[in-house]
Amino acid sequence: MEYVHIFVYIALLLLAALLSTRIMKVLKLPNVTGYILTGIIMGPFVFGLLFNNFTYDGIRESVIYGFIDKIKWVSTIALGFIAFSIGTSFKISTIKAVGKKVIIITIFEALFASILVIAALVVAHFIFPTQVTWELVFTLGAIASATAPAATLMIIKQYKARGPMVDTLLPVVALDDAAALILFSILFQVATTLAAGTGTFDIYKMLVKPIIEILISLSIGAALGFLISLMDKWFKSRNNRLIIAIFSIFLACGLYFLFKMPQLGGFELSSLLMCMMIGAVYTNMCKDSGRTLDVMDRFTSPIYLMFFVISGASLDLTIFFNKSGLIVLAIAGIYIVFRVVGKWLGAFTGANIAKCEPKIKKYLGFALIPQAGVAIGLATTASALFGSSEDEVTRLAGSLIIAIILTSTLIYELIGPMVSKFALKKAGEIEEE
């Protein structure tokens, strides 16, 4: 009977999310916003109260919470498809045209976001040293560099945006994940060292291991991309090629979990980088890759929908009802404001140095506001590691980090898509409706 219940619930989620697009159309808002709101309403902390005697007590043992927990794997797969799709934008011809400026913009927008968030939180630390700890400062600073490719990609597809800014935006968002992983690996090591109070840094964990993880991720992705390019010579139909592409994405996600095992070195590989590299190699080796991508676009729509619905449903609303609620909101406010300023200022500076078109300088930073999957993944990692500490202050920092990122993610994903649409429209890359 449990399977009957969970399938009925999934059906209701799909129907509610689909209906939300009609409301969004009337309000002239992106579909992504409707999906996230659907997740919040249909999630365990709103709709789930009907099955928990209208109380939050024991909500994590409720039926709806269990349903959401069991389908969270969809988010991993969805991010894999998103990364693959972004990887296909790395055509050699495109890279030659925008390669240098993309790298410059990515470095500046990622670093500026991290630096401004850290600077603002350092000031907050000296005012509220017990609430805003050093662990919180550096971990949030690292996560600030990440950008959500899903929301940006959905906006571009929904409104069929195209032009120089889109050609620059997609590679920047893709490289942003690599930059975020490197910064997180370094700054999180600084945070854990400060939390331990030893004053010594593990060079292997801080520098060597992150580089090894990125190289392994890219190598596996390149190998899988090469493999499916060869398989495409044997399988000509679009349906068979779609199956091959899905196989590679599922395998990459599986290898991500496999390499986390201690027997294989406990490496924290990036399934995003793997899938992105698969897409990049595939689109450059397979001349008619566009046939496969057309079919995949139709196949992935419900997967993307579920990803955003699950993201909305995962927001724990109970964090606002305890003594940490005001702290979460205050720090989240600082994080949101200074990350947005850092993203825009960094993108503007990078685009200026790279001598990009005026519209890219003015509007690219606004399209980098959304933040979701990668940031939530990094926050969950930090929360789990800090949560296992024997120090109560460090454990609290772990709880606050995930709460702050989920709160800011809600705001970013509600406002971010609208701002991205505005930026693309002002840049003249969305046709008048």
Protein backbone atom coordinates (compact mmCIF):
# COMPACT_ATOMS: atom_id res chain seq x y z
CA MET A 1 0.00 0.00 0.00
CA GLU A 2 2.93 2.35 0.64
CA TYR A 3 3.81 2.34 -3.06
CA VAL A 4 0.20 3.23 -3.92
CA HIS A 5 0.38 6.22 -1.59
CA ILE A 6 3.72 7.50 -2.87
CA PHE A 7 2.67 7.20 -6.54
CA VAL A 8 -0.56 9.05 -5.82
CA TYR A 9 1.46 11.76 -4.06
CA ILE A 10 3.86 12.08 -7.00
CA ALA A 11 0.88 12.33 -9.35
CA LEU A 12 -0.57 15.16 -7.21
CA LEU A 13 2.80 16.96 -7.22
CA LEU A 14 2.99 16.79 -11.02
CA LEU A 15 -0.61 17.98 -11.44
CA ALA A 16 -0.24 20.85 -8.93
CA ALA A 17 3.05 21.99 -10.52
CA LEU A 18 1.50 21.86 -13.98
CA LEU A 19 -1.51 23.92 -12.87
CA SER A 20 0.83 26.45 -11.23
CA THR A 21 2.21 27.31 -14.68
CA ARG A 22 -1.20 28.72 -15.66
CA ILE A 23 -1.15 31.01 -12.63
CA MET A 24 2.44 32.04 -13.37
CA LYS A 25 1.45 32.87 -16.95
CA VAL A 26 -1.27 35.23 -15.70
CA LEU A 27 1.19 36.83 -13.26
CA LYS A 28 3.89 36.91 -16.00
CA LEU A 29 6.32 34.96 -13.80
CA PRO A 30 8.65 32.11 -14.86
CA ASN A 31 7.42 28.51 -14.44
CA VAL A 32 10.31 27.79 -12.07
CA THR A 33 8.76 30.10 -9.46
CA GLY A 34 5.50 28.15 -9.64
CA TYR A 35 7.30 24.83 -9.22
CA ILE A 36 9.08 25.98 -6.06
CA LEU A 37 5.91 27.42 -4.52
CA THR A 38 4.11 24.16 -5.35
CA GLY A 39 6.82 22.25 -3.48
CA ILE A 40 6.46 24.45 -0.40
CA ILE A 41 2.67 24.13 -0.36
CA MET A 42 2.57 20.40 -1.15
CA GLY A 43 5.53 19.61 1.11
CA PRO A 44 5.60 18.17 4.63
CA PHE A 45 5.55 21.58 6.35
CA VAL A 46 2.24 22.80 4.82
CA PHE A 47 0.21 20.05 3.14
CA GLY A 48 1.89 17.49 5.39
CA LEU A 49 0.27 19.03 8.47
CA LEU A 50 -3.01 17.39 7.38
CA PHE A 51 -1.42 14.02 8.12
CA ASN A 52 0.31 15.11 11.33
CA ASN A 53 -2.63 16.45 13.44
CA PHE A 54 -1.81 20.04 12.31
CA THR A 55 1.34 20.14 14.42
CA TYR A 56 5.05 20.26 13.66
CA ASP A 57 5.81 17.83 16.52
CA GLY A 58 7.32 14.72 14.97
CA ILE A 59 6.93 16.14 11.45
CA ARG A 60 10.09 14.32 10.34
CA GLU A 61 8.38 11.01 11.04
CA SER A 62 5.25 12.01 9.08
CA VAL A 63 4.05 10.31 5.90
CA ILE A 64 4.66 13.26 3.54
CA TYR A 65 8.16 13.88 4.91
CA GLY A 66 8.95 10.22 4.25
CA PHE A 67 7.63 10.51 0.69
CA ILE A 68 9.83 13.53 -0.07
CA ASP A 69 12.84 11.78 1.46
CA LYS A 70 12.31 8.74 -0.77
CA ILE A 71 12.17 10.73 -4.02
CA LYS A 72 15.10 13.07 -3.30
CA TRP A 73 17.27 10.94 -5.59
CA VAL A 74 15.41 12.63 -8.46
CA SER A 75 17.30 15.84 -7.59
CA THR A 76 20.67 14.13 -8.12
CA ILE A 77 19.60 12.83 -11.52
CA ALA A 78 18.05 16.18 -12.48
CA LEU A 79 21.29 18.00 -11.70
CA GLY A 80 23.10 15.42 -13.83
CA PHE A 81 20.86 16.16 -16.82
CA ILE A 82 21.24 19.90 -16.23
CA ALA A 83 25.05 19.61 -16.10
CA PHE A 84 25.04 17.47 -19.26
CA SER A 85 22.90 20.05 -21.04
CA ILE A 86 25.21 22.87 -19.98
CA GLY A 87 28.23 20.83 -21.08
CA THR A 88 26.80 20.66 -24.59
CA SER A 89 27.17 24.45 -24.78
CA PHE A 90 30.96 24.01 -24.69
CA LYS A 91 31.37 23.60 -28.41
CA ILE A 92 34.91 24.31 -29.56
CA SER A 93 33.65 26.95 -31.97
CA THR A 94 31.81 28.71 -29.14
CA ILE A 95 34.76 28.40 -26.75
CA LYS A 96 37.09 29.98 -29.32
CA ALA A 97 34.70 32.90 -29.58
CA VAL A 98 34.06 33.47 -25.86
CA GLY A 99 36.62 31.25 -24.08
CA LYS A 100 38.99 33.85 -22.64
CA LYS A 101 36.30 36.25 -21.51
CA VAL A 102 34.26 33.44 -19.90
CA ILE A 103 37.20 32.42 -17.71
CA ILE A 104 37.90 36.02 -16.69
CA ILE A 105 34.23 36.70 -15.84
CA THR A 106 33.89 33.44 -13.89
CA ILE A 107 36.96 34.14 -11.76
CA PHE A 108 35.84 37.66 -10.90
CA GLU A 109 32.15 36.94 -10.21
CA ALA A 110 32.96 33.87 -8.04
CA LEU A 111 35.70 35.60 -6.05
CA PHE A 112 33.81 38.89 -5.57
CA ALA A 113 30.74 37.04 -4.24
CA SER A 114 32.87 35.09 -1.72
CA ILE A 115 34.99 38.05 -0.65
CA LEU A 116 32.05 40.43 -0.07
CA VAL A 117 30.05 37.82 1.88
CA ILE A 118 33.08 36.98 4.05
CA ALA A 119 33.82 40.68 4.66
CA ALA A 120 30.22 41.39 5.69
CA LEU A 121 30.08 38.35 7.99
CA VAL A 122 33.44 39.23 9.58
CA VAL A 123 31.90 42.55 10.65
CA ALA A 124 28.86 40.64 11.96
CA HIS A 125 31.20 38.27 13.82
CA PHE A 126 32.79 41.09 15.84
CA ILE A 127 29.32 42.39 16.73
CA PHE A 128 27.80 38.96 17.53
CA PRO A 129 30.80 36.64 18.09
CA THR A 130 28.81 33.77 19.64
CA GLN A 131 26.18 33.60 16.88
CA VAL A 132 28.29 34.40 13.80
CA THR A 133 31.24 32.05 14.31
CA TRP A 134 34.32 31.75 12.10
CA GLU A 135 33.04 28.39 10.84
CA LEU A 136 29.90 30.15 9.63
CA VAL A 137 31.83 33.04 8.07
CA PHE A 138 34.16 31.00 5.86
CA THR A 139 31.71 28.22 4.96
CA LEU A 140 29.02 30.65 3.80
CA GLY A 141 31.67 32.67 1.98
CA ALA A 142 32.66 29.57 0.04
CA ILE A 143 29.08 28.60 -0.83
CA ALA A 144 28.36 32.17 -2.01
CA SER A 145 30.35 31.56 -5.19
CA ALA A 146 27.95 28.86 -6.45
CA THR A 147 25.23 29.61 -8.99
CA ALA A 148 22.22 27.46 -9.85
CA PRO A 149 22.42 26.27 -13.46
CA ALA A 150 18.92 24.74 -13.33
CA ALA A 151 16.91 27.95 -12.96
CA THR A 152 19.02 29.79 -15.53
CA LEU A 153 18.71 26.95 -18.05
CA MET A 154 14.94 26.71 -17.52
CA ILE A 155 14.49 30.44 -18.16
CA ILE A 156 16.57 30.30 -21.34
CA LYS A 157 14.58 27.30 -22.62
CA GLN A 158 11.16 28.60 -21.60
CA TYR A 159 11.60 31.95 -23.34
CA LYS A 160 13.83 30.63 -26.17
CA ALA A 161 16.48 33.22 -25.32
CA ARG A 162 19.46 33.47 -27.65
CA GLY A 163 22.28 35.89 -28.34
CA PRO A 164 25.77 36.91 -27.16
CA MET A 165 24.74 37.15 -23.50
CA VAL A 166 23.25 33.63 -23.48
CA ASP A 167 26.40 32.33 -25.21
CA THR A 168 28.45 33.91 -22.41
CA LEU A 169 26.06 33.08 -19.57
CA LEU A 170 25.85 29.29 -20.08
CA PRO A 171 29.63 28.65 -19.98
CA VAL A 172 30.01 31.02 -17.00
CA VAL A 173 27.31 29.16 -15.03
CA ALA A 174 28.94 25.84 -15.94
CA LEU A 175 32.46 26.92 -14.89
CA ASP A 176 30.98 28.48 -11.76
CA ASP A 177 30.45 25.01 -10.31
CA ALA A 178 34.14 24.18 -10.69
CA ALA A 179 35.09 27.50 -9.06
CA ALA A 180 32.62 26.90 -6.22
CA LEU A 181 34.00 23.41 -5.54
CA ILE A 182 37.59 24.68 -5.40
CA LEU A 183 36.73 27.64 -3.14
CA PHE A 184 34.60 25.44 -0.89
CA SER A 185 37.38 22.87 -0.53
CA ILE A 186 39.88 25.56 0.49
CA LEU A 187 37.68 27.79 2.67
CA PHE A 188 35.90 24.89 4.37
CA GLN A 189 39.30 23.52 5.40
CA VAL A 190 40.07 26.95 6.90
CA ALA A 191 36.72 26.83 8.73
CA THR A 192 37.28 23.32 10.14
CA THR A 193 40.80 24.24 11.26
CA LEU A 194 39.49 27.31 13.10
CA ALA A 195 36.71 25.19 14.62
CA ALA A 196 39.26 22.64 15.86
CA GLY A 197 41.42 25.43 17.26
CA THR A 198 44.65 23.61 16.30
CA GLY A 199 46.04 26.39 14.11
CA THR A 200 47.53 23.83 11.69
CA PHE A 201 46.37 23.26 8.14
CA ASP A 202 46.25 19.91 6.38
CA ILE A 203 47.80 20.76 3.00
CA TYR A 204 46.62 17.49 1.47
CA LYS A 205 42.97 18.07 2.42
CA MET A 206 43.07 21.80 1.66
CA LEU A 207 44.84 21.81 -1.72
CA VAL A 208 45.92 18.41 -3.03
CA LYS A 209 42.75 16.36 -2.49
CA PRO A 210 40.35 18.96 -4.05
CA ILE A 211 42.55 19.12 -7.18
CA ILE A 212 42.66 15.30 -7.39
CA GLU A 213 38.86 15.14 -7.03
CA ILE A 214 38.31 17.67 -9.80
CA LEU A 215 40.79 15.93 -12.13
CA ILE A 216 39.22 12.51 -11.51
CA SER A 217 35.72 13.94 -12.09
CA LEU A 218 36.76 15.54 -15.38
CA SER A 219 38.65 12.41 -16.51
CA ILE A 220 35.70 10.09 -15.83
CA GLY A 221 33.36 12.52 -17.60
CA ALA A 222 35.67 12.72 -20.62
CA ALA A 223 35.94 8.92 -20.80
CA LEU A 224 32.15 8.49 -20.64
CA GLY A 225 31.64 11.22 -23.24
CA PHE A 226 34.10 9.47 -25.55
CA LEU A 227 32.36 6.12 -24.94
CA ILE A 228 28.85 7.31 -25.80
CA SER A 229 30.21 9.13 -28.86
CA LEU A 230 31.54 5.80 -30.12
CA MET A 231 28.29 4.01 -29.26
CA ASP A 232 26.37 6.55 -31.33
CA LYS A 233 28.09 5.14 -34.44
CA TRP A 234 26.39 1.78 -33.79
CA PHE A 235 23.00 3.11 -32.69
CA LYS A 236 21.49 5.57 -35.14
CA SER A 237 17.89 6.07 -33.93
CA ARG A 238 17.11 9.02 -31.64
CA ASN A 239 15.51 6.78 -29.01
CA ASN A 240 18.58 4.53 -28.74
CA ARG A 241 20.87 7.54 -28.53
CA LEU A 242 18.70 8.98 -25.77
CA ILE A 243 19.07 5.71 -23.84
CA ILE A 244 22.87 5.90 -24.27
CA ALA A 245 22.95 9.48 -22.95
CA ILE A 246 20.76 8.55 -19.96
CA PHE A 247 23.03 5.56 -19.27
CA SER A 248 26.08 7.84 -19.04
CA ILE A 249 24.37 10.29 -16.66
CA PHE A 250 23.11 7.55 -14.35
CA LEU A 251 26.54 5.90 -14.36
CA ALA A 252 28.26 9.22 -13.50
CA CYS A 253 25.89 9.76 -10.56
CA GLY A 254 26.53 6.17 -9.42
CA LEU A 255 30.30 6.61 -9.60
CA TYR A 256 29.98 9.74 -7.48
CA PHE A 257 28.54 7.67 -4.62
CA LEU A 258 30.94 4.76 -5.30
CA PHE A 259 34.08 6.89 -4.92
CA LYS A 260 32.84 8.18 -1.55
CA MET A 261 33.51 4.70 -0.12
CA PRO A 262 36.65 4.49 2.10
CA GLN A 263 37.90 1.55 0.01
CA LEU A 264 38.21 3.87 -3.01
CA GLY A 265 39.87 6.71 -1.09
CA GLY A 266 36.76 8.52 0.18
CA PHE A 267 36.91 11.04 -2.67
CA GLU A 268 34.13 13.65 -2.88
CA LEU A 269 33.88 13.71 -6.67
CA SER A 270 31.54 16.06 -8.48
CA SER A 271 28.75 14.39 -10.45
CA LEU A 272 28.08 17.84 -11.92
CA LEU A 273 31.57 18.14 -13.36
CA MET A 274 31.41 14.55 -14.64
CA CYS A 275 28.09 15.08 -16.43
CA MET A 276 29.19 18.47 -17.73
CA MET A 277 32.31 16.91 -19.26
CA ILE A 278 30.24 14.09 -20.78
CA GLY A 279 28.08 16.68 -22.54
CA ALA A 280 31.10 18.72 -23.67
CA VAL A 281 32.97 15.74 -25.17
CA TYR A 282 29.80 14.31 -26.72
CA THR A 283 28.73 17.51 -28.47
CA ASN A 284 32.21 18.00 -29.93
CA MET A 285 32.79 14.38 -31.04
CA CYS A 286 29.30 13.63 -32.39
CA LYS A 287 28.49 15.86 -35.37
CA ASP A 288 24.75 15.21 -35.21
CA SER A 289 24.46 15.41 -31.40
CA GLY A 290 21.65 17.93 -31.88
CA ARG A 291 19.25 15.08 -32.78
CA THR A 292 19.82 13.49 -29.36
CA LEU A 293 19.58 16.80 -27.51
CA ASP A 294 16.23 17.61 -29.14
CA VAL A 295 14.74 14.35 -27.82
CA MET A 296 16.36 14.86 -24.40
CA ASP A 297 14.78 18.32 -24.06
CA ARG A 298 11.34 16.71 -24.29
CA PHE A 299 12.27 13.88 -21.93
CA THR A 300 13.79 16.02 -19.15
CA SER A 301 10.98 18.54 -18.61
CA PRO A 302 9.16 16.49 -15.91
CA ILE A 303 12.51 15.67 -14.24
CA TYR A 304 13.38 19.38 -13.99
CA LEU A 305 9.87 20.07 -12.70
CA MET A 306 10.29 17.48 -9.92
CA PHE A 307 13.70 18.89 -9.03
CA PHE A 308 12.28 22.33 -8.26
CA VAL A 309 9.22 20.90 -6.51
CA ILE A 310 11.42 18.75 -4.25
CA SER A 311 13.71 21.76 -3.55
CA GLY A 312 10.67 23.76 -2.39
CA ALA A 313 9.33 20.87 -0.31
CA SER A 314 12.70 20.43 1.42
CA LEU A 315 12.61 23.87 3.07
CA ASP A 316 12.19 23.25 6.81
CA LEU A 317 9.75 25.97 7.88
CA THR A 318 10.17 25.06 11.57
CA ILE A 319 13.51 26.91 11.68
CA PHE A 320 11.54 30.16 11.84
CA PHE A 321 9.60 29.12 14.93
CA ASN A 322 12.45 28.66 17.41
CA LYS A 323 15.01 30.95 19.07
CA SER A 324 17.40 30.59 16.12
CA GLY A 325 14.79 31.93 13.68
CA LEU A 326 15.78 35.60 13.95
CA ILE A 327 19.48 34.72 13.72
CA VAL A 328 18.85 32.70 10.58
CA LEU A 329 16.87 35.53 8.98
CA ALA A 330 19.47 38.17 9.89
CA ILE A 331 22.45 36.20 8.58
CA ALA A 332 20.48 35.08 5.52
CA GLY A 333 19.71 38.75 4.81
CA ILE A 334 23.41 39.67 4.95
CA TYR A 335 24.31 36.67 2.81
CA ILE A 336 21.68 37.43 0.15
CA VAL A 337 22.46 41.14 -0.21
CA PHE A 338 26.24 40.90 -0.32
CA ARG A 339 26.26 37.82 -2.58
CA VAL A 340 24.03 39.62 -5.11
CA VAL A 341 26.26 42.73 -4.99
CA GLY A 342 29.37 40.53 -5.34
CA LYS A 343 27.96 38.61 -8.31
CA TRP A 344 26.96 41.75 -10.18
CA LEU A 345 30.13 43.69 -9.36
CA GLY A 346 32.35 40.71 -10.20
CA ALA A 347 30.57 40.03 -13.50
CA PHE A 348 30.71 43.73 -14.42
CA THR A 349 34.43 43.96 -13.58
CA GLY A 350 35.28 40.74 -15.42
CA ALA A 351 33.23 41.71 -18.47
CA ASN A 352 34.88 45.14 -18.46
CA ILE A 353 38.38 43.62 -18.39
CA ALA A 354 37.38 41.14 -21.12
CA LYS A 355 35.98 44.04 -23.18
CA CYS A 356 32.54 42.48 -23.60
CA GLU A 357 29.53 44.19 -25.13
CA PRO A 358 27.87 46.89 -22.96
CA LYS A 359 24.71 44.80 -22.46
CA ILE A 360 26.77 41.89 -21.08
CA LYS A 361 28.55 44.23 -18.65
CA LYS A 362 25.25 45.67 -17.40
CA TYR A 363 23.02 42.61 -17.21
CA LEU A 364 25.09 39.42 -16.91
CA GLY A 365 25.46 39.74 -13.13
CA PHE A 366 21.69 39.78 -12.64
CA ALA A 367 21.37 36.42 -14.45
CA LEU A 368 23.79 34.85 -11.93
CA ILE A 369 21.55 35.43 -8.90
CA PRO A 370 19.71 32.04 -8.72
CA GLN A 371 21.25 29.53 -6.30
CA ALA A 372 19.96 26.07 -5.42
CA GLY A 373 21.27 22.55 -6.06
CA VAL A 374 25.04 22.97 -5.73
CA ALA A 375 24.73 25.38 -2.78
CA ILE A 376 22.33 23.04 -0.96
CA GLY A 377 24.68 20.11 -1.60
CA LEU A 378 27.69 22.00 -0.19
CA ALA A 379 25.65 23.22 2.79
CA THR A 380 24.47 19.67 3.53
CA THR A 381 28.08 18.46 3.45
CA ALA A 382 29.20 21.22 5.81
CA SER A 383 26.23 20.66 8.12
CA ALA A 384 26.90 16.92 8.36
CA LEU A 385 30.61 17.39 9.12
CA PHE A 386 30.07 20.15 11.68
CA GLY A 387 27.14 18.23 13.17
CA SER A 388 29.41 15.32 14.09
CA SER A 389 31.65 17.60 16.18
CA GLU A 390 31.78 17.25 19.96
CA ASP A 391 31.76 21.03 20.34
CA GLU A 392 28.25 22.45 20.81
CA VAL A 393 29.08 25.77 19.08
CA THR A 394 30.38 23.93 16.02
CA ARG A 395 27.28 21.70 15.91
CA LEU A 396 25.07 24.80 16.07
CA ALA A 397 27.05 26.31 13.18
CA GLY A 398 26.26 23.22 11.13
CA SER A 399 22.52 23.58 11.78
CA LEU A 400 22.59 27.30 11.02
CA ILE A 401 24.45 26.84 7.73
CA ILE A 402 21.84 24.51 6.23
CA ALA A 403 18.99 26.70 7.54
CA ILE A 404 20.54 29.89 6.12
CA ILE A 405 21.23 28.35 2.71
CA LEU A 406 17.74 26.87 2.45
CA THR A 407 16.18 30.20 3.44
CA SER A 408 18.30 32.18 0.99
CA THR A 409 17.69 29.53 -1.69
CA LEU A 410 13.94 30.04 -1.36
CA ILE A 411 14.33 33.78 -1.89
CA TYR A 412 16.89 33.37 -4.68
CA GLU A 413 14.78 30.82 -6.53
CA LEU A 414 11.61 32.89 -6.19
CA ILE A 415 13.20 36.20 -7.18
CA GLY A 416 16.21 34.97 -9.19
CA PRO A 417 14.30 33.56 -12.20
CA MET A 418 12.31 36.79 -12.50
CA VAL A 419 15.51 38.85 -12.38
CA SER A 420 17.17 36.52 -14.92
CA LYS A 421 14.20 36.96 -17.25
CA PHE A 422 14.43 40.75 -16.77
CA ALA A 423 18.16 40.74 -17.55
CA LEU A 424 17.76 38.64 -20.70
CA LYS A 425 14.85 40.78 -21.85
CA LYS A 426 16.76 44.04 -21.27
CA ALA A 427 19.68 42.55 -23.18
CA GLY A 428 17.31 41.99 -26.10
CA GLU A 429 17.68 38.20 -26.10
CA ILE A 430 14.06 37.34 -25.29
CA GLU A 431 11.52 38.12 -27.95
CA GLU A 432 8.48 40.20 -27.00
CA GLU A 433 5.61 37.94 -25.92
